[in-house]
Amino acid sequence: MAHLTLQHPTWASARAHHNGRQFAYNNSRTIGHCTYVRRTADTHVTTYDIYVFGTLVMRIGEDNCATFRVGGWYTPVSRDRLDQLLPAGMYVSGPARQWNLYGPKLPPEGVPFADGILIDLGTGEVVENPGLAAEVKRRETHALIDRYVRGITLPRLLRARAGKGDKPHCSVRGAVVKRRYTTALLRQFVDDLWGWNGSIPERAYTQPYLASLRACARRSLRRTLLTG
């Protein structure tokens, strides 16, 4: 991963690194591969914003507190940049889309990382985590989706193909949508995977294609429940 020339920044170090220079591209200065710091100022306040591939990941205020976010990009690049931008001793870790924040001043189990989390760069303490409730709800929805997807087995596929067994496998609740997912919806996922021509090949109901069907179901549910 790229090594940033500005690591564990504070407002003062970002100001010194930027050095008040005027650049042709949005008053910004590169600090790593596709990573740059931009000075934003008005009559009352000056902030330094750090972008990765055009996504704002860090905003440093004059009170030496910074807001962190990834904008949905839970990627190795985002994790690498956050580890270099967070205060020394702090880092993010965890499975995909379920990152936790760890540090000397945080609980051993960590704190759920959510967009908009505000951290004091001097003490390394979390000042505010406004997206915590939404993050917890999102993780619960992911767990329910995974529970449903793991329940997609070949016997269920064959029952769905025969139009039998329409009892709900589980109930998935989202912020916007609330519905019960039955084998009828499972047949819809098969249609999504193989097109809408009405002719689903026999191999769609065999073990090698089970993983593809599960991935299709997971994408459809996430699109419905998490993007509203």
C-alpha atoms as a PDB file:
ATOM      1  CA  MET A   1       0.000   0.000   0.000  1.00  0.00           C
ATOM      2  CA  ALA A   2       1.029   3.631  -0.496  1.00  0.00           C
ATOM      3  CA  HIS A   3       3.068   5.385   2.152  1.00  0.00           C
ATOM      4  CA  LEU A   4       1.591   8.795   2.913  1.00  0.00           C
ATOM      5  CA  THR A   5       3.878  11.775   3.396  1.00  0.00           C
ATOM      6  CA  LEU A   6       1.413  13.094   5.998  1.00  0.00           C
ATOM      7  CA  GLN A   7       0.694  10.460   8.647  1.00  0.00           C
ATOM      8  CA  HIS A   8      -1.396  10.765  11.822  1.00  0.00           C
ATOM      9  CA  PRO A   9      -2.129  14.401  10.981  1.00  0.00           C
ATOM     10  CA  THR A  10      -3.340  17.114  13.309  1.00  0.00           C
ATOM     11  CA  TRP A  11      -4.694  20.488  12.289  1.00  0.00           C
ATOM     12  CA  ALA A  12      -1.279  22.080  12.843  1.00  0.00           C
ATOM     13  CA  SER A  13       0.651  19.425  10.895  1.00  0.00           C
ATOM     14  CA  ALA A  14      -1.853  19.534   8.025  1.00  0.00           C
ATOM     15  CA  ARG A  15      -1.500  23.302   7.923  1.00  0.00           C
ATOM     16  CA  ALA A  16       2.300  23.065   7.921  1.00  0.00           C
ATOM     17  CA  HIS A  17       2.278  20.380   5.239  1.00  0.00           C
ATOM     18  CA  HIS A  18      -0.112  22.297   3.030  1.00  0.00           C
ATOM     19  CA  ASN A  19       1.921  25.443   3.700  1.00  0.00           C
ATOM     20  CA  GLY A  20      -0.779  27.707   2.329  1.00  0.00           C
ATOM     21  CA  ARG A  21       0.214  27.011  -1.248  1.00  0.00           C
ATOM     22  CA  GLN A  22      -2.178  27.715  -4.063  1.00  0.00           C
ATOM     23  CA  PHE A  23      -2.473  24.929  -6.608  1.00  0.00           C
ATOM     24  CA  ALA A  24      -4.240  24.814  -9.921  1.00  0.00           C
ATOM     25  CA  TYR A  25      -6.403  21.889  -8.813  1.00  0.00           C
ATOM     26  CA  ASN A  26      -8.759  22.968  -6.029  1.00  0.00           C
ATOM     27  CA  ASN A  27      -6.056  24.289  -3.694  1.00  0.00           C
ATOM     28  CA  SER A  28      -4.875  20.752  -2.871  1.00  0.00           C
ATOM     29  CA  ARG A  29      -1.604  18.987  -2.303  1.00  0.00           C
ATOM     30  CA  THR A  30      -0.822  15.314  -2.953  1.00  0.00           C
ATOM     31  CA  ILE A  31       0.305  13.234   0.025  1.00  0.00           C
ATOM     32  CA  GLY A  32       0.180   9.778  -1.565  1.00  0.00           C
ATOM     33  CA  HIS A  33      -1.137   7.759  -4.488  1.00  0.00           C
ATOM     34  CA  CYS A  34      -4.518   9.286  -5.400  1.00  0.00           C
ATOM     35  CA  THR A  35      -4.580  10.855  -1.929  1.00  0.00           C
ATOM     36  CA  TYR A  36      -4.468  14.595  -1.354  1.00  0.00           C
ATOM     37  CA  VAL A  37      -5.183  17.214   1.279  1.00  0.00           C
ATOM     38  CA  ARG A  38      -7.301  20.244   0.446  1.00  0.00           C
ATOM     39  CA  ARG A  39      -7.609  23.471   2.389  1.00  0.00           C
ATOM     40  CA  THR A  40     -11.154  24.788   2.774  1.00  0.00           C
ATOM     41  CA  ALA A  41     -11.508  28.219   4.317  1.00  0.00           C
ATOM     42  CA  ASP A  42     -14.140  30.879   4.819  1.00  0.00           C
ATOM     43  CA  THR A  43     -14.342  33.963   7.000  1.00  0.00           C
ATOM     44  CA  HIS A  44     -14.837  31.982  10.213  1.00  0.00           C
ATOM     45  CA  VAL A  45     -13.220  28.562   9.997  1.00  0.00           C
ATOM     46  CA  THR A  46     -10.498  26.696   8.135  1.00  0.00           C
ATOM     47  CA  THR A  47     -10.546  22.926   7.684  1.00  0.00           C
ATOM     48  CA  TYR A  48      -8.236  20.484   5.958  1.00  0.00           C
ATOM     49  CA  ASP A  49      -9.943  17.698   4.013  1.00  0.00           C
ATOM     50  CA  ILE A  50      -8.169  14.526   2.924  1.00  0.00           C
ATOM     51  CA  TYR A  51      -9.505  12.663  -0.102  1.00  0.00           C
ATOM     52  CA  VAL A  52      -8.774   9.167  -1.399  1.00  0.00           C
ATOM     53  CA  PHE A  53      -9.747   8.563  -5.025  1.00  0.00           C
ATOM     54  CA  GLY A  54     -12.051  11.561  -4.787  1.00  0.00           C
ATOM     55  CA  THR A  55     -13.839  10.348  -1.626  1.00  0.00           C
ATOM     56  CA  LEU A  56     -13.623  12.477   1.491  1.00  0.00           C
ATOM     57  CA  VAL A  57     -12.205  10.268   4.268  1.00  0.00           C
ATOM     58  CA  MET A  58     -11.041  12.829   6.853  1.00  0.00           C
ATOM     59  CA  ARG A  59     -11.948  16.409   7.780  1.00  0.00           C
ATOM     60  CA  ILE A  60      -9.753  18.169  10.350  1.00  0.00           C
ATOM     61  CA  GLY A  61     -11.201  21.137  12.221  1.00  0.00           C
ATOM     62  CA  GLU A  62      -9.480  23.949  14.053  1.00  0.00           C
ATOM     63  CA  ASP A  63     -10.402  22.319  17.384  1.00  0.00           C
ATOM     64  CA  ASN A  64      -8.031  19.460  16.422  1.00  0.00           C
ATOM     65  CA  CYS A  65     -10.923  17.016  16.068  1.00  0.00           C
ATOM     66  CA  ALA A  66     -11.428  15.079  12.863  1.00  0.00           C
ATOM     67  CA  THR A  67     -14.389  13.402  11.212  1.00  0.00           C
ATOM     68  CA  PHE A  68     -13.704  10.097   9.450  1.00  0.00           C
ATOM     69  CA  ARG A  69     -15.743   8.290   6.810  1.00  0.00           C
ATOM     70  CA  VAL A  70     -15.310   5.829   3.926  1.00  0.00           C
ATOM     71  CA  GLY A  71     -18.487   6.494   1.963  1.00  0.00           C
ATOM     72  CA  GLY A  72     -19.263   2.795   1.578  1.00  0.00           C
ATOM     73  CA  TRP A  73     -15.789   1.910   0.243  1.00  0.00           C
ATOM     74  CA  TYR A  74     -14.816  -0.850   2.684  1.00  0.00           C
ATOM     75  CA  THR A  75     -11.700  -1.794   0.738  1.00  0.00           C
ATOM     76  CA  PRO A  76      -8.081  -2.617   1.624  1.00  0.00           C
ATOM     77  CA  VAL A  77      -7.075   0.808   0.282  1.00  0.00           C
ATOM     78  CA  SER A  78      -9.548   2.587   2.570  1.00  0.00           C
ATOM     79  CA  ARG A  79      -8.334   0.564   5.551  1.00  0.00           C
ATOM     80  CA  ASP A  80      -4.690   1.316   4.753  1.00  0.00           C
ATOM     81  CA  ARG A  81      -5.358   5.069   4.475  1.00  0.00           C
ATOM     82  CA  LEU A  82      -7.373   5.135   7.699  1.00  0.00           C
ATOM     83  CA  ASP A  83      -4.626   3.330   9.604  1.00  0.00           C
ATOM     84  CA  GLN A  84      -2.176   6.026   8.478  1.00  0.00           C
ATOM     85  CA  LEU A  85      -4.544   8.931   9.131  1.00  0.00           C
ATOM     86  CA  LEU A  86      -5.957   7.904  12.513  1.00  0.00           C
ATOM     87  CA  PRO A  87      -4.081   9.035  15.652  1.00  0.00           C
ATOM     88  CA  ALA A  88      -1.038   6.926  16.502  1.00  0.00           C
ATOM     89  CA  GLY A  89      -2.028   3.615  18.080  1.00  0.00           C
ATOM     90  CA  MET A  90      -5.501   3.550  16.537  1.00  0.00           C
ATOM     91  CA  TYR A  91      -6.554   1.294  13.670  1.00  0.00           C
ATOM     92  CA  VAL A  92      -9.578  -0.331  12.051  1.00  0.00           C
ATOM     93  CA  SER A  93     -10.110  -4.061  11.702  1.00  0.00           C
ATOM     94  CA  GLY A  94     -12.878  -6.558  11.137  1.00  0.00           C
ATOM     95  CA  PRO A  95     -14.721  -8.438   8.397  1.00  0.00           C
ATOM     96  CA  ALA A  96     -15.980  -6.746   5.262  1.00  0.00           C
ATOM     97  CA  ARG A  97     -18.407  -3.880   5.926  1.00  0.00           C
ATOM     98  CA  GLN A  98     -18.219  -4.444   9.677  1.00  0.00           C
ATOM     99  CA  TRP A  99     -15.143  -2.556  10.771  1.00  0.00           C
ATOM    100  CA  ASN A 100     -14.362  -1.778  14.385  1.00  0.00           C
ATOM    101  CA  LEU A 101     -12.098   0.969  15.665  1.00  0.00           C
ATOM    102  CA  TYR A 102      -9.403   0.029  18.179  1.00  0.00           C
ATOM    103  CA  GLY A 103      -7.066   2.172  20.235  1.00  0.00           C
ATOM    104  CA  PRO A 104      -5.421   2.690  23.634  1.00  0.00           C
ATOM    105  CA  LYS A 105      -8.315   4.842  24.894  1.00  0.00           C
ATOM    106  CA  LEU A 106     -11.070   2.591  23.523  1.00  0.00           C
ATOM    107  CA  PRO A 107     -12.684  -0.573  24.959  1.00  0.00           C
ATOM    108  CA  PRO A 108     -10.849  -3.855  24.177  1.00  0.00           C
ATOM    109  CA  GLU A 109     -13.726  -4.992  21.938  1.00  0.00           C
ATOM    110  CA  GLY A 110     -13.430  -1.784  19.930  1.00  0.00           C
ATOM    111  CA  VAL A 111     -16.014   0.699  18.735  1.00  0.00           C
ATOM    112  CA  PRO A 112     -18.112   0.174  15.566  1.00  0.00           C
ATOM    113  CA  PHE A 113     -16.709   2.383  12.815  1.00  0.00           C
ATOM    114  CA  ALA A 114     -19.459   4.439  11.205  1.00  0.00           C
ATOM    115  CA  ASP A 115     -19.290   7.320   8.758  1.00  0.00           C
ATOM    116  CA  GLY A 116     -19.154  10.618  10.603  1.00  0.00           C
ATOM    117  CA  ILE A 117     -17.313   9.391  13.698  1.00  0.00           C
ATOM    118  CA  LEU A 118     -15.590  12.321  15.430  1.00  0.00           C
ATOM    119  CA  ILE A 119     -12.199  11.710  17.084  1.00  0.00           C
ATOM    120  CA  ASP A 120     -10.003  13.999  19.162  1.00  0.00           C
ATOM    121  CA  LEU A 121      -6.623  13.843  17.436  1.00  0.00           C
ATOM    122  CA  GLY A 122      -4.795  14.896  20.570  1.00  0.00           C
ATOM    123  CA  THR A 123      -6.166  12.331  23.009  1.00  0.00           C
ATOM    124  CA  GLY A 124      -7.312   9.587  20.627  1.00  0.00           C
ATOM    125  CA  GLU A 125     -10.773   9.480  22.186  1.00  0.00           C
ATOM    126  CA  VAL A 126     -14.086   9.221  20.351  1.00  0.00           C
ATOM    127  CA  VAL A 127     -15.946  12.495  20.849  1.00  0.00           C
ATOM    128  CA  GLU A 128     -19.101  11.581  18.943  1.00  0.00           C
ATOM    129  CA  ASN A 129     -20.356   8.695  16.850  1.00  0.00           C
ATOM    130  CA  PRO A 130     -23.629   9.933  15.312  1.00  0.00           C
ATOM    131  CA  GLY A 131     -23.931   7.024  12.896  1.00  0.00           C
ATOM    132  CA  LEU A 132     -23.661   4.325  15.564  1.00  0.00           C
ATOM    133  CA  ALA A 133     -27.379   3.466  15.721  1.00  0.00           C
ATOM    134  CA  ALA A 134     -27.654   3.229  11.921  1.00  0.00           C
ATOM    135  CA  GLU A 135     -24.467   1.134  11.786  1.00  0.00           C
ATOM    136  CA  VAL A 136     -25.792  -1.336  14.371  1.00  0.00           C
ATOM    137  CA  LYS A 137     -29.074  -1.641  12.476  1.00  0.00           C
ATOM    138  CA  ARG A 138     -27.193  -2.159   9.202  1.00  0.00           C
ATOM    139  CA  ARG A 139     -25.146  -4.963  10.752  1.00  0.00           C
ATOM    140  CA  GLU A 140     -28.283  -6.639  12.084  1.00  0.00           C
ATOM    141  CA  THR A 141     -29.801  -6.497   8.606  1.00  0.00           C
ATOM    142  CA  HIS A 142     -26.633  -8.022   7.130  1.00  0.00           C
ATOM    143  CA  ALA A 143     -26.843 -10.842   9.681  1.00  0.00           C
ATOM    144  CA  LEU A 144     -30.463 -11.579   8.717  1.00  0.00           C
ATOM    145  CA  ILE A 145     -29.571 -11.533   5.021  1.00  0.00           C
ATOM    146  CA  ASP A 146     -26.699 -13.965   5.633  1.00  0.00           C
ATOM    147  CA  ARG A 147     -29.059 -16.189   7.615  1.00  0.00           C
ATOM    148  CA  TYR A 148     -31.489 -16.327   4.714  1.00  0.00           C
ATOM    149  CA  VAL A 149     -28.769 -16.903   2.117  1.00  0.00           C
ATOM    150  CA  ARG A 150     -27.219 -19.757   4.118  1.00  0.00           C
ATOM    151  CA  GLY A 151     -30.658 -21.372   4.096  1.00  0.00           C
ATOM    152  CA  ILE A 152     -30.637 -21.618   0.292  1.00  0.00           C
ATOM    153  CA  THR A 153     -29.921 -25.303  -0.253  1.00  0.00           C
ATOM    154  CA  LEU A 154     -30.555 -27.744  -3.062  1.00  0.00           C
ATOM    155  CA  PRO A 155     -33.640 -29.284  -1.366  1.00  0.00           C
ATOM    156  CA  ARG A 156     -35.140 -25.808  -1.036  1.00  0.00           C
ATOM    157  CA  LEU A 157     -34.334 -25.092  -4.674  1.00  0.00           C
ATOM    158  CA  LEU A 158     -36.096 -28.250  -5.789  1.00  0.00           C
ATOM    159  CA  ARG A 159     -39.145 -27.487  -3.646  1.00  0.00           C
ATOM    160  CA  ALA A 160     -39.244 -23.967  -5.058  1.00  0.00           C
ATOM    161  CA  ARG A 161     -38.980 -25.351  -8.574  1.00  0.00           C
ATOM    162  CA  ALA A 162     -41.972 -27.598  -7.908  1.00  0.00           C
ATOM    163  CA  GLY A 163     -43.894 -24.679  -6.399  1.00  0.00           C
ATOM    164  CA  LYS A 164     -44.070 -26.382  -3.022  1.00  0.00           C
ATOM    165  CA  GLY A 165     -43.074 -25.329   0.429  1.00  0.00           C
ATOM    166  CA  ASP A 166     -44.048 -21.662   0.432  1.00  0.00           C
ATOM    167  CA  LYS A 167     -43.591 -21.331   4.181  1.00  0.00           C
ATOM    168  CA  PRO A 168     -41.341 -18.392   5.111  1.00  0.00           C
ATOM    169  CA  HIS A 169     -37.762 -19.383   5.838  1.00  0.00           C
ATOM    170  CA  CYS A 170     -37.147 -16.294   7.944  1.00  0.00           C
ATOM    171  CA  SER A 171     -38.319 -12.737   8.329  1.00  0.00           C
ATOM    172  CA  VAL A 172     -35.985  -9.974   7.159  1.00  0.00           C
ATOM    173  CA  ARG A 173     -36.640  -6.468   8.376  1.00  0.00           C
ATOM    174  CA  GLY A 174     -35.161  -3.275   6.974  1.00  0.00           C
ATOM    175  CA  ALA A 175     -35.475   0.419   7.595  1.00  0.00           C
ATOM    176  CA  VAL A 176     -37.743   0.843   4.570  1.00  0.00           C
ATOM    177  CA  VAL A 177     -38.921  -2.599   3.501  1.00  0.00           C
ATOM    178  CA  LYS A 178     -40.561  -5.276   5.656  1.00  0.00           C
ATOM    179  CA  ARG A 179     -41.634  -8.478   3.973  1.00  0.00           C
ATOM    180  CA  ARG A 180     -41.484 -12.228   4.386  1.00  0.00           C
ATOM    181  CA  TYR A 181     -39.195 -14.088   2.032  1.00  0.00           C
ATOM    182  CA  THR A 182     -40.661 -17.324   0.733  1.00  0.00           C
ATOM    183  CA  THR A 183     -39.660 -19.888  -1.828  1.00  0.00           C
ATOM    184  CA  ALA A 184     -41.540 -17.778  -4.368  1.00  0.00           C
ATOM    185  CA  LEU A 185     -38.927 -15.060  -3.899  1.00  0.00           C
ATOM    186  CA  LEU A 186     -36.252 -17.721  -4.188  1.00  0.00           C
ATOM    187  CA  ARG A 187     -37.601 -18.573  -7.635  1.00  0.00           C
ATOM    188  CA  GLN A 188     -37.314 -14.869  -8.477  1.00  0.00           C
ATOM    189  CA  PHE A 189     -33.614 -14.971  -7.545  1.00  0.00           C
ATOM    190  CA  VAL A 190     -33.183 -17.903  -9.935  1.00  0.00           C
ATOM    191  CA  ASP A 191     -34.850 -15.820 -12.640  1.00  0.00           C
ATOM    192  CA  ASP A 192     -32.541 -12.881 -11.818  1.00  0.00           C
ATOM    193  CA  LEU A 193     -29.513 -15.110 -12.179  1.00  0.00           C
ATOM    194  CA  TRP A 194     -30.520 -16.753 -15.439  1.00  0.00           C
ATOM    195  CA  GLY A 195     -32.431 -13.966 -17.144  1.00  0.00           C
ATOM    196  CA  TRP A 196     -36.076 -13.280 -17.731  1.00  0.00           C
ATOM    197  CA  ASN A 197     -36.610 -15.528 -20.736  1.00  0.00           C
ATOM    198  CA  GLY A 198     -38.572 -18.019 -18.655  1.00  0.00           C
ATOM    199  CA  SER A 199     -36.308 -20.950 -19.521  1.00  0.00           C
ATOM    200  CA  ILE A 200     -34.161 -21.796 -16.507  1.00  0.00           C
ATOM    201  CA  PRO A 201     -31.600 -24.496 -17.334  1.00  0.00           C
ATOM    202  CA  GLU A 202     -31.471 -27.704 -15.357  1.00  0.00           C
ATOM    203  CA  ARG A 203     -27.974 -26.910 -14.128  1.00  0.00           C
ATOM    204  CA  ALA A 204     -29.391 -23.963 -12.156  1.00  0.00           C
ATOM    205  CA  TYR A 205     -30.592 -26.535  -9.643  1.00  0.00           C
ATOM    206  CA  THR A 206     -27.257 -28.291  -9.175  1.00  0.00           C
ATOM    207  CA  GLN A 207     -24.539 -27.818  -6.586  1.00  0.00           C
ATOM    208  CA  PRO A 208     -21.957 -25.945  -8.747  1.00  0.00           C
ATOM    209  CA  TYR A 209     -24.405 -23.093  -9.320  1.00  0.00           C
ATOM    210  CA  LEU A 210     -25.542 -22.828  -5.715  1.00  0.00           C
ATOM    211  CA  ALA A 211     -22.826 -20.296  -4.853  1.00  0.00           C
ATOM    212  CA  SER A 212     -23.823 -18.080  -7.779  1.00  0.00           C
ATOM    213  CA  LEU A 213     -27.455 -18.173  -6.703  1.00  0.00           C
ATOM    214  CA  ARG A 214     -26.542 -17.299  -3.131  1.00  0.00           C
ATOM    215  CA  ALA A 215     -24.465 -14.351  -4.343  1.00  0.00           C
ATOM    216  CA  CYS A 216     -27.367 -13.174  -6.498  1.00  0.00           C
ATOM    217  CA  ALA A 217     -29.765 -13.416  -3.549  1.00  0.00           C
ATOM    218  CA  ARG A 218     -27.356 -11.548  -1.273  1.00  0.00           C
ATOM    219  CA  ARG A 219     -26.973  -8.714  -3.793  1.00  0.00           C
ATOM    220  CA  SER A 220     -30.724  -8.440  -4.335  1.00  0.00           C
ATOM    221  CA  LEU A 221     -31.495  -8.328  -0.621  1.00  0.00           C
ATOM    222  CA  ARG A 222     -28.789  -5.787   0.118  1.00  0.00           C
ATOM    223  CA  ARG A 223     -29.994  -3.600  -2.733  1.00  0.00           C
ATOM    224  CA  THR A 224     -33.573  -3.784  -1.436  1.00  0.00           C
ATOM    225  CA  LEU A 225     -32.994  -3.462   2.295  1.00  0.00           C
ATOM    226  CA  LEU A 226     -29.853  -1.347   2.597  1.00  0.00           C
ATOM    227  CA  THR A 227     -30.391   1.183  -0.179  1.00  0.00           C
ATOM    228  CA  GLY A 228     -34.122   1.501   0.296  1.00  0.00           C
END
